[in-house]
Every structure is written in C-alpha cells, then in structure tokens.
Amino acid sequence: GQTGKATLHLTLDSRLQRVAQNALE
C-alpha cells in the first residue's frame, strides 16, 4: 500500500457529473 503517498486532485464533481451524464444520455 505504498502507492498513495500523493494524489492528483481534479476540479470535477462526481455528483454533478453523474446528473449531467444521465440527463445527456
């Protein structure tokens, strides 16, 4: 478990992304 010393953080929000993806599809 030594691969999580750092994490790339994004500005995206999974909650809003799911709403948008479902509505779009």
PDBML (XML) file of the C-alpha atoms, coordinates in Angstrom:
<?xml version="1.0" encoding="UTF-8" ?>
<PDBx:datablock datablockName="MODEL"
   xmlns:PDBx="http://pdbml.pdb.org/schema/pdbx-v50.xsd"
   xmlns:xsi="http://www.w3.org/2001/XMLSchema-instance"
   xsi:schemaLocation="http://pdbml.pdb.org/schema/pdbx-v50.xsd pdbx-v50.xsd">
   <PDBx:atom_siteCategory>
      <PDBx:atom_site id="1">
         <PDBx:B_iso_or_equiv>0.00</PDBx:B_iso_or_equiv>
         <PDBx:Cartn_x>0.000</PDBx:Cartn_x>
         <PDBx:Cartn_y>0.000</PDBx:Cartn_y>
         <PDBx:Cartn_z>0.000</PDBx:Cartn_z>
         <PDBx:auth_asym_id>A</PDBx:auth_asym_id>
         <PDBx:auth_atom_id>CA</PDBx:auth_atom_id>
         <PDBx:auth_comp_id>GLY</PDBx:auth_comp_id>
         <PDBx:auth_seq_id>1</PDBx:auth_seq_id>
         <PDBx:group_PDB>ATOM</PDBx:group_PDB>
         <PDBx:label_alt_id xsi:nil="true" />
         <PDBx:label_asym_id>A</PDBx:label_asym_id>
         <PDBx:label_atom_id>CA</PDBx:label_atom_id>
         <PDBx:label_comp_id>GLY</PDBx:label_comp_id>
         <PDBx:label_entity_id>1</PDBx:label_entity_id>
         <PDBx:label_seq_id>1</PDBx:label_seq_id>
         <PDBx:occupancy>1.00</PDBx:occupancy>
         <PDBx:pdbx_PDB_model_num>1</PDBx:pdbx_PDB_model_num>
         <PDBx:type_symbol>C</PDBx:type_symbol>
      </PDBx:atom_site>
      <PDBx:atom_site id="2">
         <PDBx:B_iso_or_equiv>0.00</PDBx:B_iso_or_equiv>
         <PDBx:Cartn_x>2.830</PDBx:Cartn_x>
         <PDBx:Cartn_y>2.403</PDBx:Cartn_y>
         <PDBx:Cartn_z>-0.752</PDBx:Cartn_z>
         <PDBx:auth_asym_id>A</PDBx:auth_asym_id>
         <PDBx:auth_atom_id>CA</PDBx:auth_atom_id>
         <PDBx:auth_comp_id>GLN</PDBx:auth_comp_id>
         <PDBx:auth_seq_id>2</PDBx:auth_seq_id>
         <PDBx:group_PDB>ATOM</PDBx:group_PDB>
         <PDBx:label_alt_id xsi:nil="true" />
         <PDBx:label_asym_id>A</PDBx:label_asym_id>
         <PDBx:label_atom_id>CA</PDBx:label_atom_id>
         <PDBx:label_comp_id>GLN</PDBx:label_comp_id>
         <PDBx:label_entity_id>1</PDBx:label_entity_id>
         <PDBx:label_seq_id>2</PDBx:label_seq_id>
         <PDBx:occupancy>1.00</PDBx:occupancy>
         <PDBx:pdbx_PDB_model_num>1</PDBx:pdbx_PDB_model_num>
         <PDBx:type_symbol>C</PDBx:type_symbol>
      </PDBx:atom_site>
      <PDBx:atom_site id="3">
         <PDBx:B_iso_or_equiv>0.00</PDBx:B_iso_or_equiv>
         <PDBx:Cartn_x>1.385</PDBx:Cartn_x>
         <PDBx:Cartn_y>3.966</PDBx:Cartn_y>
         <PDBx:Cartn_z>-3.910</PDBx:Cartn_z>
         <PDBx:auth_asym_id>A</PDBx:auth_asym_id>
         <PDBx:auth_atom_id>CA</PDBx:auth_atom_id>
         <PDBx:auth_comp_id>THR</PDBx:auth_comp_id>
         <PDBx:auth_seq_id>3</PDBx:auth_seq_id>
         <PDBx:group_PDB>ATOM</PDBx:group_PDB>
         <PDBx:label_alt_id xsi:nil="true" />
         <PDBx:label_asym_id>A</PDBx:label_asym_id>
         <PDBx:label_atom_id>CA</PDBx:label_atom_id>
         <PDBx:label_comp_id>THR</PDBx:label_comp_id>
         <PDBx:label_entity_id>1</PDBx:label_entity_id>
         <PDBx:label_seq_id>3</PDBx:label_seq_id>
         <PDBx:occupancy>1.00</PDBx:occupancy>
         <PDBx:pdbx_PDB_model_num>1</PDBx:pdbx_PDB_model_num>
         <PDBx:type_symbol>C</PDBx:type_symbol>
      </PDBx:atom_site>
      <PDBx:atom_site id="4">
         <PDBx:B_iso_or_equiv>0.00</PDBx:B_iso_or_equiv>
         <PDBx:Cartn_x>-0.876</PDBx:Cartn_x>
         <PDBx:Cartn_y>6.542</PDBx:Cartn_y>
         <PDBx:Cartn_z>-2.281</PDBx:Cartn_z>
         <PDBx:auth_asym_id>A</PDBx:auth_asym_id>
         <PDBx:auth_atom_id>CA</PDBx:auth_atom_id>
         <PDBx:auth_comp_id>GLY</PDBx:auth_comp_id>
         <PDBx:auth_seq_id>4</PDBx:auth_seq_id>
         <PDBx:group_PDB>ATOM</PDBx:group_PDB>
         <PDBx:label_alt_id xsi:nil="true" />
         <PDBx:label_asym_id>A</PDBx:label_asym_id>
         <PDBx:label_atom_id>CA</PDBx:label_atom_id>
         <PDBx:label_comp_id>GLY</PDBx:label_comp_id>
         <PDBx:label_entity_id>1</PDBx:label_entity_id>
         <PDBx:label_seq_id>4</PDBx:label_seq_id>
         <PDBx:occupancy>1.00</PDBx:occupancy>
         <PDBx:pdbx_PDB_model_num>1</PDBx:pdbx_PDB_model_num>
         <PDBx:type_symbol>C</PDBx:type_symbol>
      </PDBx:atom_site>
      <PDBx:atom_site id="5">
         <PDBx:B_iso_or_equiv>0.00</PDBx:B_iso_or_equiv>
         <PDBx:Cartn_x>1.718</PDBx:Cartn_x>
         <PDBx:Cartn_y>8.981</PDBx:Cartn_y>
         <PDBx:Cartn_z>-0.957</PDBx:Cartn_z>
         <PDBx:auth_asym_id>A</PDBx:auth_asym_id>
         <PDBx:auth_atom_id>CA</PDBx:auth_atom_id>
         <PDBx:auth_comp_id>LYS</PDBx:auth_comp_id>
         <PDBx:auth_seq_id>5</PDBx:auth_seq_id>
         <PDBx:group_PDB>ATOM</PDBx:group_PDB>
         <PDBx:label_alt_id xsi:nil="true" />
         <PDBx:label_asym_id>A</PDBx:label_asym_id>
         <PDBx:label_atom_id>CA</PDBx:label_atom_id>
         <PDBx:label_comp_id>LYS</PDBx:label_comp_id>
         <PDBx:label_entity_id>1</PDBx:label_entity_id>
         <PDBx:label_seq_id>5</PDBx:label_seq_id>
         <PDBx:occupancy>1.00</PDBx:occupancy>
         <PDBx:pdbx_PDB_model_num>1</PDBx:pdbx_PDB_model_num>
         <PDBx:type_symbol>C</PDBx:type_symbol>
      </PDBx:atom_site>
      <PDBx:atom_site id="6">
         <PDBx:B_iso_or_equiv>0.00</PDBx:B_iso_or_equiv>
         <PDBx:Cartn_x>0.259</PDBx:Cartn_x>
         <PDBx:Cartn_y>11.628</PDBx:Cartn_y>
         <PDBx:Cartn_z>-3.282</PDBx:Cartn_z>
         <PDBx:auth_asym_id>A</PDBx:auth_asym_id>
         <PDBx:auth_atom_id>CA</PDBx:auth_atom_id>
         <PDBx:auth_comp_id>ALA</PDBx:auth_comp_id>
         <PDBx:auth_seq_id>6</PDBx:auth_seq_id>
         <PDBx:group_PDB>ATOM</PDBx:group_PDB>
         <PDBx:label_alt_id xsi:nil="true" />
         <PDBx:label_asym_id>A</PDBx:label_asym_id>
         <PDBx:label_atom_id>CA</PDBx:label_atom_id>
         <PDBx:label_comp_id>ALA</PDBx:label_comp_id>
         <PDBx:label_entity_id>1</PDBx:label_entity_id>
         <PDBx:label_seq_id>6</PDBx:label_seq_id>
         <PDBx:occupancy>1.00</PDBx:occupancy>
         <PDBx:pdbx_PDB_model_num>1</PDBx:pdbx_PDB_model_num>
         <PDBx:type_symbol>C</PDBx:type_symbol>
      </PDBx:atom_site>
      <PDBx:atom_site id="7">
         <PDBx:B_iso_or_equiv>0.00</PDBx:B_iso_or_equiv>
         <PDBx:Cartn_x>-2.973</PDBx:Cartn_x>
         <PDBx:Cartn_y>12.114</PDBx:Cartn_y>
         <PDBx:Cartn_z>-5.208</PDBx:Cartn_z>
         <PDBx:auth_asym_id>A</PDBx:auth_asym_id>
         <PDBx:auth_atom_id>CA</PDBx:auth_atom_id>
         <PDBx:auth_comp_id>THR</PDBx:auth_comp_id>
         <PDBx:auth_seq_id>7</PDBx:auth_seq_id>
         <PDBx:group_PDB>ATOM</PDBx:group_PDB>
         <PDBx:label_alt_id xsi:nil="true" />
         <PDBx:label_asym_id>A</PDBx:label_asym_id>
         <PDBx:label_atom_id>CA</PDBx:label_atom_id>
         <PDBx:label_comp_id>THR</PDBx:label_comp_id>
         <PDBx:label_entity_id>1</PDBx:label_entity_id>
         <PDBx:label_seq_id>7</PDBx:label_seq_id>
         <PDBx:occupancy>1.00</PDBx:occupancy>
         <PDBx:pdbx_PDB_model_num>1</PDBx:pdbx_PDB_model_num>
         <PDBx:type_symbol>C</PDBx:type_symbol>
      </PDBx:atom_site>
      <PDBx:atom_site id="8">
         <PDBx:B_iso_or_equiv>0.00</PDBx:B_iso_or_equiv>
         <PDBx:Cartn_x>-3.886</PDBx:Cartn_x>
         <PDBx:Cartn_y>14.127</PDBx:Cartn_y>
         <PDBx:Cartn_z>-8.291</PDBx:Cartn_z>
         <PDBx:auth_asym_id>A</PDBx:auth_asym_id>
         <PDBx:auth_atom_id>CA</PDBx:auth_atom_id>
         <PDBx:auth_comp_id>LEU</PDBx:auth_comp_id>
         <PDBx:auth_seq_id>8</PDBx:auth_seq_id>
         <PDBx:group_PDB>ATOM</PDBx:group_PDB>
         <PDBx:label_alt_id xsi:nil="true" />
         <PDBx:label_asym_id>A</PDBx:label_asym_id>
         <PDBx:label_atom_id>CA</PDBx:label_atom_id>
         <PDBx:label_comp_id>LEU</PDBx:label_comp_id>
         <PDBx:label_entity_id>1</PDBx:label_entity_id>
         <PDBx:label_seq_id>8</PDBx:label_seq_id>
         <PDBx:occupancy>1.00</PDBx:occupancy>
         <PDBx:pdbx_PDB_model_num>1</PDBx:pdbx_PDB_model_num>
         <PDBx:type_symbol>C</PDBx:type_symbol>
      </PDBx:atom_site>
      <PDBx:atom_site id="9">
         <PDBx:B_iso_or_equiv>0.00</PDBx:B_iso_or_equiv>
         <PDBx:Cartn_x>-6.914</PDBx:Cartn_x>
         <PDBx:Cartn_y>16.247</PDBx:Cartn_y>
         <PDBx:Cartn_z>-7.413</PDBx:Cartn_z>
         <PDBx:auth_asym_id>A</PDBx:auth_asym_id>
         <PDBx:auth_atom_id>CA</PDBx:auth_atom_id>
         <PDBx:auth_comp_id>HIS</PDBx:auth_comp_id>
         <PDBx:auth_seq_id>9</PDBx:auth_seq_id>
         <PDBx:group_PDB>ATOM</PDBx:group_PDB>
         <PDBx:label_alt_id xsi:nil="true" />
         <PDBx:label_asym_id>A</PDBx:label_asym_id>
         <PDBx:label_atom_id>CA</PDBx:label_atom_id>
         <PDBx:label_comp_id>HIS</PDBx:label_comp_id>
         <PDBx:label_entity_id>1</PDBx:label_entity_id>
         <PDBx:label_seq_id>9</PDBx:label_seq_id>
         <PDBx:occupancy>1.00</PDBx:occupancy>
         <PDBx:pdbx_PDB_model_num>1</PDBx:pdbx_PDB_model_num>
         <PDBx:type_symbol>C</PDBx:type_symbol>
      </PDBx:atom_site>
      <PDBx:atom_site id="10">
         <PDBx:B_iso_or_equiv>0.00</PDBx:B_iso_or_equiv>
         <PDBx:Cartn_x>-9.403</PDBx:Cartn_x>
         <PDBx:Cartn_y>17.428</PDBx:Cartn_y>
         <PDBx:Cartn_z>-10.043</PDBx:Cartn_z>
         <PDBx:auth_asym_id>A</PDBx:auth_asym_id>
         <PDBx:auth_atom_id>CA</PDBx:auth_atom_id>
         <PDBx:auth_comp_id>LEU</PDBx:auth_comp_id>
         <PDBx:auth_seq_id>10</PDBx:auth_seq_id>
         <PDBx:group_PDB>ATOM</PDBx:group_PDB>
         <PDBx:label_alt_id xsi:nil="true" />
         <PDBx:label_asym_id>A</PDBx:label_asym_id>
         <PDBx:label_atom_id>CA</PDBx:label_atom_id>
         <PDBx:label_comp_id>LEU</PDBx:label_comp_id>
         <PDBx:label_entity_id>1</PDBx:label_entity_id>
         <PDBx:label_seq_id>10</PDBx:label_seq_id>
         <PDBx:occupancy>1.00</PDBx:occupancy>
         <PDBx:pdbx_PDB_model_num>1</PDBx:pdbx_PDB_model_num>
         <PDBx:type_symbol>C</PDBx:type_symbol>
      </PDBx:atom_site>
      <PDBx:atom_site id="11">
         <PDBx:B_iso_or_equiv>0.00</PDBx:B_iso_or_equiv>
         <PDBx:Cartn_x>-11.928</PDBx:Cartn_x>
         <PDBx:Cartn_y>20.255</PDBx:Cartn_y>
         <PDBx:Cartn_z>-10.023</PDBx:Cartn_z>
         <PDBx:auth_asym_id>A</PDBx:auth_asym_id>
         <PDBx:auth_atom_id>CA</PDBx:auth_atom_id>
         <PDBx:auth_comp_id>THR</PDBx:auth_comp_id>
         <PDBx:auth_seq_id>11</PDBx:auth_seq_id>
         <PDBx:group_PDB>ATOM</PDBx:group_PDB>
         <PDBx:label_alt_id xsi:nil="true" />
         <PDBx:label_asym_id>A</PDBx:label_asym_id>
         <PDBx:label_atom_id>CA</PDBx:label_atom_id>
         <PDBx:label_comp_id>THR</PDBx:label_comp_id>
         <PDBx:label_entity_id>1</PDBx:label_entity_id>
         <PDBx:label_seq_id>11</PDBx:label_seq_id>
         <PDBx:occupancy>1.00</PDBx:occupancy>
         <PDBx:pdbx_PDB_model_num>1</PDBx:pdbx_PDB_model_num>
         <PDBx:type_symbol>C</PDBx:type_symbol>
      </PDBx:atom_site>
      <PDBx:atom_site id="12">
         <PDBx:B_iso_or_equiv>0.00</PDBx:B_iso_or_equiv>
         <PDBx:Cartn_x>-14.703</PDBx:Cartn_x>
         <PDBx:Cartn_y>17.949</PDBx:Cartn_y>
         <PDBx:Cartn_z>-11.265</PDBx:Cartn_z>
         <PDBx:auth_asym_id>A</PDBx:auth_asym_id>
         <PDBx:auth_atom_id>CA</PDBx:auth_atom_id>
         <PDBx:auth_comp_id>LEU</PDBx:auth_comp_id>
         <PDBx:auth_seq_id>12</PDBx:auth_seq_id>
         <PDBx:group_PDB>ATOM</PDBx:group_PDB>
         <PDBx:label_alt_id xsi:nil="true" />
         <PDBx:label_asym_id>A</PDBx:label_asym_id>
         <PDBx:label_atom_id>CA</PDBx:label_atom_id>
         <PDBx:label_comp_id>LEU</PDBx:label_comp_id>
         <PDBx:label_entity_id>1</PDBx:label_entity_id>
         <PDBx:label_seq_id>12</PDBx:label_seq_id>
         <PDBx:occupancy>1.00</PDBx:occupancy>
         <PDBx:pdbx_PDB_model_num>1</PDBx:pdbx_PDB_model_num>
         <PDBx:type_symbol>C</PDBx:type_symbol>
      </PDBx:atom_site>
      <PDBx:atom_site id="13">
         <PDBx:B_iso_or_equiv>0.00</PDBx:B_iso_or_equiv>
         <PDBx:Cartn_x>-17.580</PDBx:Cartn_x>
         <PDBx:Cartn_y>16.883</PDBx:Cartn_y>
         <PDBx:Cartn_z>-9.009</PDBx:Cartn_z>
         <PDBx:auth_asym_id>A</PDBx:auth_asym_id>
         <PDBx:auth_atom_id>CA</PDBx:auth_atom_id>
         <PDBx:auth_comp_id>ASP</PDBx:auth_comp_id>
         <PDBx:auth_seq_id>13</PDBx:auth_seq_id>
         <PDBx:group_PDB>ATOM</PDBx:group_PDB>
         <PDBx:label_alt_id xsi:nil="true" />
         <PDBx:label_asym_id>A</PDBx:label_asym_id>
         <PDBx:label_atom_id>CA</PDBx:label_atom_id>
         <PDBx:label_comp_id>ASP</PDBx:label_comp_id>
         <PDBx:label_entity_id>1</PDBx:label_entity_id>
         <PDBx:label_seq_id>13</PDBx:label_seq_id>
         <PDBx:occupancy>1.00</PDBx:occupancy>
         <PDBx:pdbx_PDB_model_num>1</PDBx:pdbx_PDB_model_num>
         <PDBx:type_symbol>C</PDBx:type_symbol>
      </PDBx:atom_site>
      <PDBx:atom_site id="14">
         <PDBx:B_iso_or_equiv>0.00</PDBx:B_iso_or_equiv>
         <PDBx:Cartn_x>-18.757</PDBx:Cartn_x>
         <PDBx:Cartn_y>13.269</PDBx:Cartn_y>
         <PDBx:Cartn_z>-9.371</PDBx:Cartn_z>
         <PDBx:auth_asym_id>A</PDBx:auth_asym_id>
         <PDBx:auth_atom_id>CA</PDBx:auth_atom_id>
         <PDBx:auth_comp_id>SER</PDBx:auth_comp_id>
         <PDBx:auth_seq_id>14</PDBx:auth_seq_id>
         <PDBx:group_PDB>ATOM</PDBx:group_PDB>
         <PDBx:label_alt_id xsi:nil="true" />
         <PDBx:label_asym_id>A</PDBx:label_asym_id>
         <PDBx:label_atom_id>CA</PDBx:label_atom_id>
         <PDBx:label_comp_id>SER</PDBx:label_comp_id>
         <PDBx:label_entity_id>1</PDBx:label_entity_id>
         <PDBx:label_seq_id>14</PDBx:label_seq_id>
         <PDBx:occupancy>1.00</PDBx:occupancy>
         <PDBx:pdbx_PDB_model_num>1</PDBx:pdbx_PDB_model_num>
         <PDBx:type_symbol>C</PDBx:type_symbol>
      </PDBx:atom_site>
      <PDBx:atom_site id="15">
         <PDBx:B_iso_or_equiv>0.00</PDBx:B_iso_or_equiv>
         <PDBx:Cartn_x>-22.225</PDBx:Cartn_x>
         <PDBx:Cartn_y>14.137</PDBx:Cartn_y>
         <PDBx:Cartn_z>-8.092</PDBx:Cartn_z>
         <PDBx:auth_asym_id>A</PDBx:auth_asym_id>
         <PDBx:auth_atom_id>CA</PDBx:auth_atom_id>
         <PDBx:auth_comp_id>ARG</PDBx:auth_comp_id>
         <PDBx:auth_seq_id>15</PDBx:auth_seq_id>
         <PDBx:group_PDB>ATOM</PDBx:group_PDB>
         <PDBx:label_alt_id xsi:nil="true" />
         <PDBx:label_asym_id>A</PDBx:label_asym_id>
         <PDBx:label_atom_id>CA</PDBx:label_atom_id>
         <PDBx:label_comp_id>ARG</PDBx:label_comp_id>
         <PDBx:label_entity_id>1</PDBx:label_entity_id>
         <PDBx:label_seq_id>15</PDBx:label_seq_id>
         <PDBx:occupancy>1.00</PDBx:occupancy>
         <PDBx:pdbx_PDB_model_num>1</PDBx:pdbx_PDB_model_num>
         <PDBx:type_symbol>C</PDBx:type_symbol>
      </PDBx:atom_site>
      <PDBx:atom_site id="16">
         <PDBx:B_iso_or_equiv>0.00</PDBx:B_iso_or_equiv>
         <PDBx:Cartn_x>-22.830</PDBx:Cartn_x>
         <PDBx:Cartn_y>16.840</PDBx:Cartn_y>
         <PDBx:Cartn_z>-10.678</PDBx:Cartn_z>
         <PDBx:auth_asym_id>A</PDBx:auth_asym_id>
         <PDBx:auth_atom_id>CA</PDBx:auth_atom_id>
         <PDBx:auth_comp_id>LEU</PDBx:auth_comp_id>
         <PDBx:auth_seq_id>16</PDBx:auth_seq_id>
         <PDBx:group_PDB>ATOM</PDBx:group_PDB>
         <PDBx:label_alt_id xsi:nil="true" />
         <PDBx:label_asym_id>A</PDBx:label_asym_id>
         <PDBx:label_atom_id>CA</PDBx:label_atom_id>
         <PDBx:label_comp_id>LEU</PDBx:label_comp_id>
         <PDBx:label_entity_id>1</PDBx:label_entity_id>
         <PDBx:label_seq_id>16</PDBx:label_seq_id>
         <PDBx:occupancy>1.00</PDBx:occupancy>
         <PDBx:pdbx_PDB_model_num>1</PDBx:pdbx_PDB_model_num>
         <PDBx:type_symbol>C</PDBx:type_symbol>
      </PDBx:atom_site>
      <PDBx:atom_site id="17">
         <PDBx:B_iso_or_equiv>0.00</PDBx:B_iso_or_equiv>
         <PDBx:Cartn_x>-21.079</PDBx:Cartn_x>
         <PDBx:Cartn_y>14.828</PDBx:Cartn_y>
         <PDBx:Cartn_z>-13.365</PDBx:Cartn_z>
         <PDBx:auth_asym_id>A</PDBx:auth_asym_id>
         <PDBx:auth_atom_id>CA</PDBx:auth_atom_id>
         <PDBx:auth_comp_id>GLN</PDBx:auth_comp_id>
         <PDBx:auth_seq_id>17</PDBx:auth_seq_id>
         <PDBx:group_PDB>ATOM</PDBx:group_PDB>
         <PDBx:label_alt_id xsi:nil="true" />
         <PDBx:label_asym_id>A</PDBx:label_asym_id>
         <PDBx:label_atom_id>CA</PDBx:label_atom_id>
         <PDBx:label_comp_id>GLN</PDBx:label_comp_id>
         <PDBx:label_entity_id>1</PDBx:label_entity_id>
         <PDBx:label_seq_id>17</PDBx:label_seq_id>
         <PDBx:occupancy>1.00</PDBx:occupancy>
         <PDBx:pdbx_PDB_model_num>1</PDBx:pdbx_PDB_model_num>
         <PDBx:type_symbol>C</PDBx:type_symbol>
      </PDBx:atom_site>
      <PDBx:atom_site id="18">
         <PDBx:B_iso_or_equiv>0.00</PDBx:B_iso_or_equiv>
         <PDBx:Cartn_x>-23.483</PDBx:Cartn_x>
         <PDBx:Cartn_y>11.933</PDBx:Cartn_y>
         <PDBx:Cartn_z>-12.847</PDBx:Cartn_z>
         <PDBx:auth_asym_id>A</PDBx:auth_asym_id>
         <PDBx:auth_atom_id>CA</PDBx:auth_atom_id>
         <PDBx:auth_comp_id>ARG</PDBx:auth_comp_id>
         <PDBx:auth_seq_id>18</PDBx:auth_seq_id>
         <PDBx:group_PDB>ATOM</PDBx:group_PDB>
         <PDBx:label_alt_id xsi:nil="true" />
         <PDBx:label_asym_id>A</PDBx:label_asym_id>
         <PDBx:label_atom_id>CA</PDBx:label_atom_id>
         <PDBx:label_comp_id>ARG</PDBx:label_comp_id>
         <PDBx:label_entity_id>1</PDBx:label_entity_id>
         <PDBx:label_seq_id>18</PDBx:label_seq_id>
         <PDBx:occupancy>1.00</PDBx:occupancy>
         <PDBx:pdbx_PDB_model_num>1</PDBx:pdbx_PDB_model_num>
         <PDBx:type_symbol>C</PDBx:type_symbol>
      </PDBx:atom_site>
      <PDBx:atom_site id="19">
         <PDBx:B_iso_or_equiv>0.00</PDBx:B_iso_or_equiv>
         <PDBx:Cartn_x>-26.519</PDBx:Cartn_x>
         <PDBx:Cartn_y>14.208</PDBx:Cartn_y>
         <PDBx:Cartn_z>-13.079</PDBx:Cartn_z>
         <PDBx:auth_asym_id>A</PDBx:auth_asym_id>
         <PDBx:auth_atom_id>CA</PDBx:auth_atom_id>
         <PDBx:auth_comp_id>VAL</PDBx:auth_comp_id>
         <PDBx:auth_seq_id>19</PDBx:auth_seq_id>
         <PDBx:group_PDB>ATOM</PDBx:group_PDB>
         <PDBx:label_alt_id xsi:nil="true" />
         <PDBx:label_asym_id>A</PDBx:label_asym_id>
         <PDBx:label_atom_id>CA</PDBx:label_atom_id>
         <PDBx:label_comp_id>VAL</PDBx:label_comp_id>
         <PDBx:label_entity_id>1</PDBx:label_entity_id>
         <PDBx:label_seq_id>19</PDBx:label_seq_id>
         <PDBx:occupancy>1.00</PDBx:occupancy>
         <PDBx:pdbx_PDB_model_num>1</PDBx:pdbx_PDB_model_num>
         <PDBx:type_symbol>C</PDBx:type_symbol>
      </PDBx:atom_site>
      <PDBx:atom_site id="20">
         <PDBx:B_iso_or_equiv>0.00</PDBx:B_iso_or_equiv>
         <PDBx:Cartn_x>-25.172</PDBx:Cartn_x>
         <PDBx:Cartn_y>15.718</PDBx:Cartn_y>
         <PDBx:Cartn_z>-16.299</PDBx:Cartn_z>
         <PDBx:auth_asym_id>A</PDBx:auth_asym_id>
         <PDBx:auth_atom_id>CA</PDBx:auth_atom_id>
         <PDBx:auth_comp_id>ALA</PDBx:auth_comp_id>
         <PDBx:auth_seq_id>20</PDBx:auth_seq_id>
         <PDBx:group_PDB>ATOM</PDBx:group_PDB>
         <PDBx:label_alt_id xsi:nil="true" />
         <PDBx:label_asym_id>A</PDBx:label_asym_id>
         <PDBx:label_atom_id>CA</PDBx:label_atom_id>
         <PDBx:label_comp_id>ALA</PDBx:label_comp_id>
         <PDBx:label_entity_id>1</PDBx:label_entity_id>
         <PDBx:label_seq_id>20</PDBx:label_seq_id>
         <PDBx:occupancy>1.00</PDBx:occupancy>
         <PDBx:pdbx_PDB_model_num>1</PDBx:pdbx_PDB_model_num>
         <PDBx:type_symbol>C</PDBx:type_symbol>
      </PDBx:atom_site>
      <PDBx:atom_site id="21">
         <PDBx:B_iso_or_equiv>0.00</PDBx:B_iso_or_equiv>
         <PDBx:Cartn_x>-24.197</PDBx:Cartn_x>
         <PDBx:Cartn_y>12.364</PDBx:Cartn_y>
         <PDBx:Cartn_z>-17.835</PDBx:Cartn_z>
         <PDBx:auth_asym_id>A</PDBx:auth_asym_id>
         <PDBx:auth_atom_id>CA</PDBx:auth_atom_id>
         <PDBx:auth_comp_id>GLN</PDBx:auth_comp_id>
         <PDBx:auth_seq_id>21</PDBx:auth_seq_id>
         <PDBx:group_PDB>ATOM</PDBx:group_PDB>
         <PDBx:label_alt_id xsi:nil="true" />
         <PDBx:label_asym_id>A</PDBx:label_asym_id>
         <PDBx:label_atom_id>CA</PDBx:label_atom_id>
         <PDBx:label_comp_id>GLN</PDBx:label_comp_id>
         <PDBx:label_entity_id>1</PDBx:label_entity_id>
         <PDBx:label_seq_id>21</PDBx:label_seq_id>
         <PDBx:occupancy>1.00</PDBx:occupancy>
         <PDBx:pdbx_PDB_model_num>1</PDBx:pdbx_PDB_model_num>
         <PDBx:type_symbol>C</PDBx:type_symbol>
      </PDBx:atom_site>
      <PDBx:atom_site id="22">
         <PDBx:B_iso_or_equiv>0.00</PDBx:B_iso_or_equiv>
         <PDBx:Cartn_x>-27.544</PDBx:Cartn_x>
         <PDBx:Cartn_y>10.732</PDBx:Cartn_y>
         <PDBx:Cartn_z>-17.109</PDBx:Cartn_z>
         <PDBx:auth_asym_id>A</PDBx:auth_asym_id>
         <PDBx:auth_atom_id>CA</PDBx:auth_atom_id>
         <PDBx:auth_comp_id>ASN</PDBx:auth_comp_id>
         <PDBx:auth_seq_id>22</PDBx:auth_seq_id>
         <PDBx:group_PDB>ATOM</PDBx:group_PDB>
         <PDBx:label_alt_id xsi:nil="true" />
         <PDBx:label_asym_id>A</PDBx:label_asym_id>
         <PDBx:label_atom_id>CA</PDBx:label_atom_id>
         <PDBx:label_comp_id>ASN</PDBx:label_comp_id>
         <PDBx:label_entity_id>1</PDBx:label_entity_id>
         <PDBx:label_seq_id>22</PDBx:label_seq_id>
         <PDBx:occupancy>1.00</PDBx:occupancy>
         <PDBx:pdbx_PDB_model_num>1</PDBx:pdbx_PDB_model_num>
         <PDBx:type_symbol>C</PDBx:type_symbol>
      </PDBx:atom_site>
      <PDBx:atom_site id="23">
         <PDBx:B_iso_or_equiv>0.00</PDBx:B_iso_or_equiv>
         <PDBx:Cartn_x>-29.526</PDBx:Cartn_x>
         <PDBx:Cartn_y>13.695</PDBx:Cartn_y>
         <PDBx:Cartn_z>-18.432</PDBx:Cartn_z>
         <PDBx:auth_asym_id>A</PDBx:auth_asym_id>
         <PDBx:auth_atom_id>CA</PDBx:auth_atom_id>
         <PDBx:auth_comp_id>ALA</PDBx:auth_comp_id>
         <PDBx:auth_seq_id>23</PDBx:auth_seq_id>
         <PDBx:group_PDB>ATOM</PDBx:group_PDB>
         <PDBx:label_alt_id xsi:nil="true" />
         <PDBx:label_asym_id>A</PDBx:label_asym_id>
         <PDBx:label_atom_id>CA</PDBx:label_atom_id>
         <PDBx:label_comp_id>ALA</PDBx:label_comp_id>
         <PDBx:label_entity_id>1</PDBx:label_entity_id>
         <PDBx:label_seq_id>23</PDBx:label_seq_id>
         <PDBx:occupancy>1.00</PDBx:occupancy>
         <PDBx:pdbx_PDB_model_num>1</PDBx:pdbx_PDB_model_num>
         <PDBx:type_symbol>C</PDBx:type_symbol>
      </PDBx:atom_site>
      <PDBx:atom_site id="24">
         <PDBx:B_iso_or_equiv>0.00</PDBx:B_iso_or_equiv>
         <PDBx:Cartn_x>-27.369</PDBx:Cartn_x>
         <PDBx:Cartn_y>13.887</PDBx:Cartn_y>
         <PDBx:Cartn_z>-21.560</PDBx:Cartn_z>
         <PDBx:auth_asym_id>A</PDBx:auth_asym_id>
         <PDBx:auth_atom_id>CA</PDBx:auth_atom_id>
         <PDBx:auth_comp_id>LEU</PDBx:auth_comp_id>
         <PDBx:auth_seq_id>24</PDBx:auth_seq_id>
         <PDBx:group_PDB>ATOM</PDBx:group_PDB>
         <PDBx:label_alt_id xsi:nil="true" />
         <PDBx:label_asym_id>A</PDBx:label_asym_id>
         <PDBx:label_atom_id>CA</PDBx:label_atom_id>
         <PDBx:label_comp_id>LEU</PDBx:label_comp_id>
         <PDBx:label_entity_id>1</PDBx:label_entity_id>
         <PDBx:label_seq_id>24</PDBx:label_seq_id>
         <PDBx:occupancy>1.00</PDBx:occupancy>
         <PDBx:pdbx_PDB_model_num>1</PDBx:pdbx_PDB_model_num>
         <PDBx:type_symbol>C</PDBx:type_symbol>
      </PDBx:atom_site>
      <PDBx:atom_site id="25">
         <PDBx:B_iso_or_equiv>0.00</PDBx:B_iso_or_equiv>
         <PDBx:Cartn_x>-27.645</PDBx:Cartn_x>
         <PDBx:Cartn_y>10.189</PDBx:Cartn_y>
         <PDBx:Cartn_z>-22.372</PDBx:Cartn_z>
         <PDBx:auth_asym_id>A</PDBx:auth_asym_id>
         <PDBx:auth_atom_id>CA</PDBx:auth_atom_id>
         <PDBx:auth_comp_id>GLU</PDBx:auth_comp_id>
         <PDBx:auth_seq_id>25</PDBx:auth_seq_id>
         <PDBx:group_PDB>ATOM</PDBx:group_PDB>
         <PDBx:label_alt_id xsi:nil="true" />
         <PDBx:label_asym_id>A</PDBx:label_asym_id>
         <PDBx:label_atom_id>CA</PDBx:label_atom_id>
         <PDBx:label_comp_id>GLU</PDBx:label_comp_id>
         <PDBx:label_entity_id>1</PDBx:label_entity_id>
         <PDBx:label_seq_id>25</PDBx:label_seq_id>
         <PDBx:occupancy>1.00</PDBx:occupancy>
         <PDBx:pdbx_PDB_model_num>1</PDBx:pdbx_PDB_model_num>
         <PDBx:type_symbol>C</PDBx:type_symbol>
      </PDBx:atom_site>
   </PDBx:atom_siteCategory>
</PDBx:datablock>
